[in-house]
């Protein structure tokens, strides 16, 4: 099988010509070849050469007048960018592993050796770049057949492949999710047997693969596979604890694991925002800890939004996720996720809308996306009713925001201005005056304007025995 017509970028012929001049064999390999056959776009090109990948990279970059060559001597790799493509070079290698480590012992090898060390048959495909064989497919493990059958399996014994480098188990789930492929039964069984080996992988590497699953079109498929294989409980036990339905007095609650996945898919349908997807994953994370059964109310999860928000930093810290504004955004979403839905059940007051706008700030649109996604039920009439009420809330939000300008609310009167007006140092009365102004605006007692705020400031201060200082 020949794919020379698909290798239309001049860099492939150039690399092949340089390899010919050095008496070497060079190949495009891995994900780029897989995606080329699947007719998927790809900007990352991996080149393997039977010889020095660094030397070939430097010669190719010079010939192509590409950008700077970045060399990683410890790994024997080099890369450069040309246009919007990133091209990485490596010498063909063979690898062996010592148990307890995922760092391989690496030696020079042939293209056959290099293909044997690849994670999956669909990633072991190679296309020759040498002139005489340009575009010829090298496919010793029937990777094309697996592409056509939409299946994920390892080139060699899966127990060896997954035990040697346990991160490949996460990658199997990731590719199955991204490509909508099936992992073969033998590989699924092997992942289950080797799931405990994931413990030697750093959480940074795990969350890198997890993020690719979360950012796929249907992330729920990946989480179901992670759970089925026993991988999810190894690094994210809080999520597996959401599973199951408990019954008392003939009353059961929904399975919060599958509800969470439904919410995650709903968010994914409307937003590519990674951290909003994380908020969907964590919005009900505290339900197991807050679950109670009351004879008159059935199952309750009171306070799960507050408890969940407090769990977010611990989970982020353990998974080595960023402990910055991204984490705070997820916390805010978890804490506030019940507020808009609660408004759909009650008469909507301007005051409640103002407070929601004040608390959500610039993240109100993301919060509303999450809350809309959280409306799940097998009762279609119930969903339709909630969504109808939800649209009323959205319209009310627009009206109040347009009138009161409360998104990312800043007090019309600053603390410095209060101190200057009354000639007082930083003290408790300043906070009390600012809070009184804020509450008056949120309740609609005064407009969100400087003139009205200053007038109230004088009144509140007078009640405290404070008078404006006269400037002489």
Protein backbone atom coordinates (compact mmCIF):
# COMPACT_ATOMS: atom_id res chain seq x y z
CA UNK A 1 0.00 0.00 0.00
CA UNK A 2 1.44 3.37 -1.00
CA UNK A 3 0.52 6.82 0.33
CA UNK A 4 2.98 8.96 -1.65
CA UNK A 5 0.19 11.25 -2.89
CA UNK A 6 -0.75 12.06 0.72
CA UNK A 7 2.81 13.10 1.64
CA UNK A 8 2.50 16.27 -0.41
CA UNK A 9 4.41 18.62 1.91
CA UNK A 10 7.93 19.17 0.49
CA UNK A 11 9.55 18.43 3.86
CA UNK A 12 8.93 14.68 3.39
CA UNK A 13 10.85 14.51 0.09
CA UNK A 14 13.60 16.69 1.55
CA UNK A 15 14.02 14.46 4.61
CA UNK A 16 14.05 11.37 2.39
CA UNK A 17 16.71 12.84 0.09
CA UNK A 18 18.97 13.73 3.04
CA UNK A 19 18.52 10.22 4.47
CA UNK A 20 19.43 8.74 1.04
CA UNK A 21 22.59 10.84 0.96
CA UNK A 22 23.56 9.45 4.37
CA UNK A 23 22.69 5.87 3.44
CA UNK A 24 19.92 5.79 6.08
CA UNK A 25 16.30 4.69 6.16
CA UNK A 26 13.81 7.36 7.31
CA UNK A 27 10.10 7.09 8.03
CA UNK A 28 7.11 9.16 9.09
CA UNK A 29 5.60 7.19 11.96
CA UNK A 30 2.94 7.10 14.64
CA UNK A 31 0.03 9.50 15.11
CA UNK A 32 0.61 11.52 11.96
CA UNK A 33 0.39 8.40 9.79
CA UNK A 34 -2.64 7.13 11.70
CA UNK A 35 -4.45 10.45 11.24
CA UNK A 36 -3.43 10.66 7.58
CA UNK A 37 -5.09 7.29 6.91
CA UNK A 38 -8.14 8.35 8.94
CA UNK A 39 -8.26 11.66 7.03
CA UNK A 40 -7.88 13.62 10.26
CA UNK A 41 -5.78 16.77 10.36
CA UNK A 42 -2.55 16.66 12.34
CA UNK A 43 0.13 19.26 12.99
CA UNK A 44 2.63 16.96 14.77
CA UNK A 45 4.94 14.87 12.60
CA UNK A 46 7.22 12.19 14.06
CA UNK A 47 10.20 11.07 11.97
CA UNK A 48 12.23 7.98 12.87
CA UNK A 49 15.56 7.24 11.21
CA UNK A 50 17.88 4.25 11.39
CA UNK A 51 20.72 6.44 12.59
CA UNK A 52 20.99 9.79 14.37
CA UNK A 53 17.71 11.65 14.61
CA UNK A 54 19.52 14.79 15.78
CA UNK A 55 21.85 14.88 12.76
CA UNK A 56 18.93 14.37 10.36
CA UNK A 57 16.89 17.11 12.09
CA UNK A 58 19.72 19.64 11.82
CA UNK A 59 20.39 18.84 8.16
CA UNK A 60 16.67 18.98 7.28
CA UNK A 61 16.12 22.27 9.11
CA UNK A 62 19.06 23.83 7.24
CA UNK A 63 17.79 22.62 3.87
CA UNK A 64 14.20 23.70 4.57
CA UNK A 65 15.25 27.00 6.17
CA UNK A 66 13.10 26.07 9.12
CA UNK A 67 13.19 27.55 12.59
CA UNK A 68 15.61 26.80 15.38
CA UNK A 69 16.34 23.13 16.07
CA UNK A 70 15.68 22.18 19.69
CA UNK A 71 17.85 19.24 20.75
CA UNK A 72 17.18 16.86 23.65
CA UNK A 73 20.47 14.97 23.85
CA UNK A 74 19.43 12.82 26.79
CA UNK A 75 16.58 11.41 24.72
CA UNK A 76 18.35 11.46 21.36
CA UNK A 77 15.59 13.61 19.88
CA UNK A 78 15.38 16.96 18.11
CA UNK A 79 12.54 19.07 16.76
CA UNK A 80 11.82 22.17 14.73
CA UNK A 81 8.79 24.06 13.49
CA UNK A 82 8.04 24.82 9.89
CA UNK A 83 4.90 26.84 9.25
CA UNK A 84 2.22 25.42 11.54
CA UNK A 85 3.86 21.99 11.70
CA UNK A 86 6.00 20.62 14.54
CA UNK A 87 8.46 17.99 13.32
CA UNK A 88 10.26 15.73 15.80
CA UNK A 89 13.14 13.38 14.89
CA UNK A 90 14.44 10.36 16.73
CA UNK A 91 16.73 7.47 15.95
CA UNK A 92 15.11 4.03 15.71
CA UNK A 93 15.29 2.38 19.11
CA UNK A 94 14.63 -0.80 20.94
CA UNK A 95 13.65 -0.69 24.60
CA UNK A 96 13.55 -2.92 27.66
CA UNK A 97 12.13 -2.14 31.10
CA UNK A 98 12.99 -2.99 34.68
CA UNK A 99 10.00 -3.73 36.88
CA UNK A 100 9.09 -0.83 39.19
CA UNK A 101 10.20 1.79 36.70
CA UNK A 102 8.73 3.26 33.54
CA UNK A 103 12.13 4.49 32.36
CA UNK A 104 13.29 2.13 29.60
CA UNK A 105 16.78 0.92 28.80
CA UNK A 106 17.22 2.25 25.26
CA UNK A 107 19.52 0.98 22.51
CA UNK A 108 19.87 1.78 18.81
CA UNK A 109 17.61 -0.39 16.69
CA UNK A 110 15.90 -0.94 13.36
CA UNK A 111 12.51 0.29 12.18
CA UNK A 112 11.13 -3.13 13.19
CA UNK A 113 12.52 -2.70 16.72
CA UNK A 114 11.01 0.78 16.89
CA UNK A 115 7.57 -0.40 15.80
CA UNK A 116 7.60 -3.18 18.40
CA UNK A 117 8.07 -0.64 21.20
CA UNK A 118 5.03 1.42 20.09
CA UNK A 119 1.96 1.44 22.33
CA UNK A 120 -0.77 0.39 19.85
CA UNK A 121 -0.92 -1.16 16.41
CA UNK A 122 -2.60 1.97 15.03
CA UNK A 123 0.37 4.03 16.26
CA UNK A 124 2.99 1.62 14.87
CA UNK A 125 2.29 2.52 11.24
CA UNK A 126 5.21 3.94 9.26
CA UNK A 127 5.61 5.46 5.79
CA UNK A 128 8.97 5.29 4.03
CA UNK A 129 10.48 8.63 3.00
CA UNK A 130 13.42 7.29 0.96
CA UNK A 131 13.21 7.94 -2.78
CA UNK A 132 13.00 4.33 -3.96
CA UNK A 133 10.21 3.41 -1.53
CA UNK A 134 8.61 6.81 -0.92
CA UNK A 135 5.12 6.49 0.61
CA UNK A 136 5.31 2.71 1.10
CA UNK A 137 3.45 1.56 4.22
CA UNK A 138 5.31 -0.49 6.81
CA UNK A 139 2.62 -2.22 8.88
CA UNK A 140 3.93 -5.38 10.60
CA UNK A 141 1.05 -5.53 13.13
CA UNK A 142 -1.94 -4.97 10.81
CA UNK A 143 -2.58 -1.50 12.16
CA UNK A 144 -4.56 -0.49 9.08
CA UNK A 145 -6.88 -3.44 9.66
CA UNK A 146 -7.38 -2.24 13.25
CA UNK A 147 -8.08 1.28 12.01
CA UNK A 148 -10.74 -0.06 9.69
CA UNK A 149 -12.22 -2.21 12.46
CA UNK A 150 -12.00 0.71 14.92
CA UNK A 151 -10.16 -1.21 17.60
CA UNK A 152 -7.35 -0.49 20.05
CA UNK A 153 -4.80 -3.20 20.82
CA UNK A 154 -1.09 -3.48 21.51
CA UNK A 155 1.44 -4.79 18.97
CA UNK A 156 2.84 -7.33 21.44
CA UNK A 157 1.56 -9.13 24.55
CA UNK A 158 -0.62 -6.51 26.30
CA UNK A 159 0.47 -7.65 29.77
CA UNK A 160 4.07 -6.80 28.88
CA UNK A 161 3.16 -3.55 27.11
CA UNK A 162 0.98 -2.23 29.95
CA UNK A 163 3.17 -3.44 32.79
CA UNK A 164 6.31 -1.95 31.18
CA UNK A 165 4.69 1.48 30.79
CA UNK A 166 1.40 1.69 32.73
CA UNK A 167 0.59 5.13 31.29
CA UNK A 168 -0.29 3.24 28.10
CA UNK A 169 -3.44 2.05 29.86
CA UNK A 170 -4.60 5.66 30.18
CA UNK A 171 -3.61 6.23 26.56
CA UNK A 172 -5.68 3.22 25.44
CA UNK A 173 -8.75 4.78 27.05
CA UNK A 174 -7.86 8.19 25.63
CA UNK A 175 -7.56 6.95 22.05
CA UNK A 176 -10.72 4.87 22.37
CA UNK A 177 -12.56 7.98 23.57
CA UNK A 178 -11.12 10.42 21.04
CA UNK A 179 -11.49 8.14 18.03
CA UNK A 180 -14.67 6.37 19.21
CA UNK A 181 -12.85 3.02 18.89
CA UNK A 182 -13.24 -0.13 21.00
CA UNK A 183 -10.49 -1.59 23.16
CA UNK A 184 -10.25 -5.32 22.39
CA UNK A 185 -11.46 -7.74 25.07
CA UNK A 186 -7.94 -9.13 25.59
CA UNK A 187 -6.58 -5.62 26.11
CA UNK A 188 -9.41 -4.66 28.47
CA UNK A 189 -8.73 -7.76 30.54
CA UNK A 190 -5.02 -6.95 30.59
CA UNK A 191 -5.67 -3.37 31.74
CA UNK A 192 -7.82 -4.71 34.59
CA UNK A 193 -5.02 -7.07 35.60
CA UNK A 194 -2.41 -4.33 35.47
CA UNK A 195 -4.45 -1.39 36.80
CA UNK A 196 -2.47 -1.39 40.07
CA UNK A 197 0.69 -0.63 38.05
CA UNK A 198 -0.68 2.87 37.41
CA UNK A 199 0.47 3.70 40.94
CA UNK A 200 4.06 4.14 39.70
CA UNK A 201 2.99 6.91 37.28
CA UNK A 202 3.12 10.53 38.41
CA UNK A 203 -0.17 12.37 38.74
CA UNK A 204 1.11 15.03 36.33
CA UNK A 205 1.35 12.41 33.56
CA UNK A 206 -1.99 10.90 34.53
CA UNK A 207 -3.86 14.21 34.42
CA UNK A 208 -2.30 15.03 31.03
CA UNK A 209 -4.01 11.96 29.57
CA UNK A 210 -7.14 12.58 31.63
CA UNK A 211 -7.45 16.09 30.20
CA UNK A 212 -7.39 14.69 26.67
CA UNK A 213 -10.27 12.41 27.65
CA UNK A 214 -12.16 15.30 29.27
CA UNK A 215 -11.68 17.44 26.15
CA UNK A 216 -13.01 14.78 23.78
CA UNK A 217 -16.45 15.03 22.17
CA UNK A 218 -18.01 12.43 24.53
CA UNK A 219 -15.87 12.38 27.68
CA UNK A 220 -18.35 10.11 29.48
CA UNK A 221 -17.19 7.19 27.31
CA UNK A 222 -13.68 7.61 28.67
CA UNK A 223 -14.77 7.77 32.30
CA UNK A 224 -16.91 4.65 31.91
CA UNK A 225 -13.90 2.82 30.48
CA UNK A 226 -11.59 4.10 33.22
CA UNK A 227 -14.08 2.83 35.78
CA UNK A 228 -14.66 -0.48 34.03
CA UNK A 229 -10.92 -1.19 33.87
CA UNK A 230 -10.28 -0.28 37.51
CA UNK A 231 -8.09 2.71 36.62
CA UNK A 232 -10.35 5.49 37.90
CA UNK A 233 -10.29 4.32 41.51
CA UNK A 234 -6.48 4.33 41.46
CA UNK A 235 -6.24 8.12 41.09
CA UNK A 236 -9.75 9.51 41.54
CA UNK A 237 -11.56 7.47 44.23
CA UNK A 238 -13.95 10.33 45.06
CA UNK A 239 -15.55 9.92 41.65
CA UNK A 240 -16.02 6.16 41.91
CA UNK A 241 -17.71 6.74 45.28
CA UNK A 242 -20.53 8.49 43.42
CA UNK A 243 -21.57 5.14 41.94
CA UNK A 244 -24.60 3.18 43.03
CA UNK A 245 -28.19 3.63 44.13
CA UNK A 246 -29.37 3.08 47.70
CA UNK A 247 -33.00 2.28 48.53
CA UNK A 248 -34.93 2.85 51.76
CA UNK A 249 -38.65 2.48 52.28
CA UNK A 250 -39.04 1.96 48.57
CA UNK A 251 -37.31 5.25 47.78
CA UNK A 252 -34.07 5.39 45.77
CA UNK A 253 -31.84 8.24 44.62
CA UNK A 254 -30.27 8.65 41.19
CA UNK A 255 -26.87 7.12 40.47
CA UNK A 256 -24.73 10.22 40.87
CA UNK A 257 -21.82 8.76 38.89
CA UNK A 258 -23.88 8.40 35.72
CA UNK A 259 -25.70 11.66 36.39
CA UNK A 260 -22.31 13.41 36.61
CA UNK A 261 -21.26 11.89 33.29
CA UNK A 262 -24.50 13.04 31.68
CA UNK A 263 -23.89 16.58 32.97
CA UNK A 264 -20.29 16.41 31.68
CA UNK A 265 -21.47 15.42 28.19
CA UNK A 266 -24.11 18.16 28.27
CA UNK A 267 -21.45 20.76 29.06
CA UNK A 268 -19.17 19.31 26.36
CA UNK A 269 -21.99 19.80 23.83
CA UNK A 270 -21.95 23.55 24.52
CA UNK A 271 -18.44 24.46 25.69
CA UNK A 272 -14.78 23.55 25.11
CA UNK A 273 -13.86 25.21 28.45
CA UNK A 274 -11.68 22.59 30.22
CA UNK A 275 -12.26 23.96 33.71
CA UNK A 276 -16.02 24.22 33.19
CA UNK A 277 -15.91 20.53 32.28
CA UNK A 278 -14.00 19.95 35.52
CA UNK A 279 -16.76 21.81 37.34
CA UNK A 280 -19.27 19.39 35.80
CA UNK A 281 -17.16 16.47 37.04
CA UNK A 282 -16.97 17.87 40.57
CA UNK A 283 -20.36 19.58 40.98
CA UNK A 284 -21.86 16.69 42.98
CA UNK A 285 -18.60 15.23 44.33
CA UNK A 286 -19.70 15.67 47.97
CA UNK A 287 -23.03 13.88 47.62
CA UNK A 288 -21.76 10.60 49.15
CA UNK A 289 -20.51 12.54 52.20
CA UNK A 290 -23.75 14.49 52.66
CA UNK A 291 -26.30 11.77 51.85
CA UNK A 292 -29.06 11.35 54.44
CA UNK A 293 -32.46 9.68 54.48
CA UNK A 294 -35.35 11.51 56.15
CA UNK A 295 -38.77 9.88 56.52
CA UNK A 296 -40.61 12.98 55.36
CA UNK A 297 -38.19 14.09 52.61
CA UNK A 298 -36.56 10.90 51.33
CA UNK A 299 -32.92 11.19 50.27
CA UNK A 300 -31.23 14.54 50.84
CA UNK A 301 -27.77 15.90 50.09
CA UNK A 302 -27.96 19.16 52.05
CA UNK A 303 -24.85 21.30 51.80
CA UNK A 304 -23.17 19.18 49.14
CA UNK A 305 -22.35 22.29 47.13
CA UNK A 306 -20.47 23.87 50.06
CA UNK A 307 -18.75 20.60 51.06
CA UNK A 308 -17.90 19.96 47.41
CA UNK A 309 -16.32 23.40 47.00
CA UNK A 310 -14.14 22.66 50.03
CA UNK A 311 -13.07 19.32 48.50
CA UNK A 312 -11.90 20.91 45.25
CA UNK A 313 -8.46 22.15 46.49
CA UNK A 314 -7.62 18.73 48.00
CA UNK A 315 -8.48 16.94 44.76
CA UNK A 316 -6.60 19.47 42.63
CA UNK A 317 -3.55 19.25 44.90
CA UNK A 318 -3.45 15.45 44.79
CA UNK A 319 -3.89 15.31 41.00
CA UNK A 320 -1.23 18.03 40.57
CA UNK A 321 -3.72 20.35 38.90
CA UNK A 322 -3.12 24.13 39.03
CA UNK A 323 -3.90 25.71 42.40
CA UNK A 324 -4.57 29.12 40.88
CA UNK A 325 -7.50 30.97 39.35
CA UNK A 326 -8.47 27.84 37.43
CA UNK A 327 -9.05 25.98 40.70
CA UNK A 328 -10.90 28.97 42.17
CA UNK A 329 -13.14 29.05 39.09
CA UNK A 330 -14.05 25.38 39.60
CA UNK A 331 -14.66 26.03 43.30
CA UNK A 332 -16.99 28.90 42.48
CA UNK A 333 -18.94 26.81 39.96
CA UNK A 334 -19.36 23.94 42.45
CA UNK A 335 -20.44 26.31 45.23
CA UNK A 336 -22.99 28.17 43.09
CA UNK A 337 -24.32 25.39 40.87
CA UNK A 338 -27.63 25.05 42.77
CA UNK A 339 -28.46 28.75 42.81
CA UNK A 340 -29.92 29.20 39.29
CA UNK A 341 -31.84 25.92 39.53
CA UNK A 342 -33.30 27.03 42.87
CA UNK A 343 -34.54 30.20 41.16
CA UNK A 344 -36.51 28.10 38.66
CA UNK A 345 -38.50 26.59 41.54
CA UNK A 346 -39.48 29.84 43.22
CA UNK A 347 -40.83 33.21 42.29
CA UNK A 348 -37.87 35.10 40.85
CA UNK A 349 -37.08 38.35 42.65
CA UNK A 350 -34.77 41.05 41.37
CA UNK A 351 -32.89 40.80 44.65
CA UNK A 352 -32.12 37.09 44.14
CA UNK A 353 -30.97 37.80 40.58
CA UNK A 354 -28.74 40.67 41.75
CA UNK A 355 -27.13 38.45 44.39
CA UNK A 356 -26.48 35.72 41.83
CA UNK A 357 -24.89 38.25 39.47
CA UNK A 358 -22.81 39.66 42.33
CA UNK A 359 -21.54 36.22 43.44
CA UNK A 360 -20.91 34.83 39.94
CA UNK A 361 -19.36 37.98 38.46
CA UNK A 362 -17.85 37.50 35.02
CA UNK A 363 -18.39 33.72 35.26
CA UNK A 364 -22.19 33.98 35.16
CA UNK A 365 -22.43 32.65 31.58
CA UNK A 366 -20.34 29.58 32.42
CA UNK A 367 -22.41 29.01 35.56
CA UNK A 368 -25.62 29.10 33.54
CA UNK A 369 -24.17 26.62 31.04
CA UNK A 370 -23.33 24.25 33.92
CA UNK A 371 -26.73 24.63 35.53
CA UNK A 372 -28.57 24.03 32.29
CA UNK A 373 -26.46 20.88 31.79
CA UNK A 374 -27.41 19.76 35.31
CA UNK A 375 -31.09 19.43 34.37
CA UNK A 376 -31.25 15.69 33.72
CA UNK A 377 -34.14 13.31 34.21
CA UNK A 378 -35.83 10.38 32.51
CA UNK A 379 -39.05 12.34 32.93
CA UNK A 380 -39.12 14.42 29.75
CA UNK A 381 -42.01 16.60 30.94
CA UNK A 382 -40.04 17.50 34.07
CA UNK A 383 -36.95 18.43 32.04
CA UNK A 384 -39.06 20.50 29.66
CA UNK A 385 -40.65 22.36 32.60
CA UNK A 386 -37.30 23.10 34.23
CA UNK A 387 -35.76 24.26 30.96
CA UNK A 388 -38.72 26.54 30.35
CA UNK A 389 -38.33 28.09 33.82
CA UNK A 390 -34.60 28.27 33.26
CA UNK A 391 -35.11 30.44 30.17
CA UNK A 392 -37.16 32.83 32.33
CA UNK A 393 -34.18 33.08 34.72
CA UNK A 394 -31.80 33.82 31.83
CA UNK A 395 -34.07 36.55 30.53
CA UNK A 396 -34.36 38.04 34.02
CA UNK A 397 -30.57 37.97 34.37
CA UNK A 398 -30.21 39.94 31.14
CA UNK A 399 -32.76 42.53 32.25
CA UNK A 400 -31.28 43.07 35.72
CA UNK A 401 -27.69 43.12 34.42
CA UNK A 402 -28.60 45.70 31.79
CA UNK A 403 -30.32 47.87 34.41
CA UNK A 404 -28.00 47.47 37.42
CA UNK A 405 -24.57 46.59 35.91
CA UNK A 406 -23.68 44.14 38.67
CA UNK A 407 -21.39 41.79 36.82
CA UNK A 408 -17.99 42.04 38.57
CA UNK A 409 -19.54 44.54 40.98
CA UNK A 410 -17.24 47.22 42.38
CA UNK A 411 -18.58 49.35 45.28
CA UNK A 412 -19.45 52.87 44.06
CA UNK A 413 -17.70 54.21 47.17
CA UNK A 414 -14.23 52.93 48.08
CA UNK A 415 -12.78 52.40 51.54
CA UNK A 416 -10.25 55.17 50.89
CA UNK A 417 -13.05 57.58 50.10
CA UNK A 418 -14.87 56.68 53.33
CA UNK A 419 -11.70 57.24 55.38
CA UNK A 420 -11.06 60.57 53.69
CA UNK A 421 -14.70 61.72 54.07
CA UNK A 422 -14.86 61.03 57.81
CA UNK A 423 -11.20 61.45 58.71
CA UNK A 424 -10.86 57.96 60.20
CA UNK A 425 -8.11 55.32 59.89
CA UNK A 426 -8.68 51.75 58.61
CA UNK A 427 -11.25 50.30 61.00
CA UNK A 428 -14.40 48.19 61.36
CA UNK A 429 -16.86 51.03 60.54
CA UNK A 430 -15.45 51.25 57.00
CA UNK A 431 -16.39 47.62 56.28
CA UNK A 432 -19.81 48.15 57.85
CA UNK A 433 -20.52 51.18 55.66
CA UNK A 434 -19.33 49.41 52.49
CA UNK A 435 -21.46 46.35 53.32
CA UNK A 436 -24.54 48.52 53.97
CA UNK A 437 -24.12 50.14 50.55
CA UNK A 438 -23.64 46.74 48.86
CA UNK A 439 -26.73 45.26 50.56
CA UNK A 440 -28.84 48.28 49.64
CA UNK A 441 -27.85 47.93 45.98
CA UNK A 442 -28.46 44.17 45.94
CA UNK A 443 -31.87 44.60 47.58
CA UNK A 444 -32.75 47.32 45.10
CA UNK A 445 -33.14 50.01 47.78
CA UNK A 446 -30.75 52.30 45.91
CA UNK A 447 -29.43 52.23 42.33
CA UNK A 448 -25.87 51.16 41.59
CA UNK A 449 -24.72 54.78 41.26
CA UNK A 450 -22.16 56.99 43.03
CA UNK A 451 -24.61 59.76 44.02
CA UNK A 452 -27.08 57.40 45.74
CA UNK A 453 -24.24 55.42 47.36
CA UNK A 454 -22.64 58.57 48.84
CA UNK A 455 -25.97 59.71 50.23
CA UNK A 456 -26.45 56.36 51.97
CA UNK A 457 -22.85 56.47 53.18
CA UNK A 458 -23.58 59.74 55.02
CA UNK A 459 -26.75 58.30 56.57
CA UNK A 460 -25.13 55.06 57.76
CA UNK A 461 -22.11 56.92 59.13
CA UNK A 462 -24.36 59.33 61.00
CA UNK A 463 -26.08 56.37 62.72
CA UNK A 464 -22.59 55.39 63.92
CA UNK A 465 -21.91 58.89 65.19
CA UNK A 466 -19.56 59.79 62.33
CA UNK A 467 -19.73 63.13 60.57
CA UNK A 468 -17.90 64.29 57.45
CA UNK A 469 -14.80 66.32 58.18
CA UNK A 470 -14.81 69.90 56.91
CA UNK A 471 -11.94 70.83 54.68
CA UNK A 472 -10.50 74.14 55.70
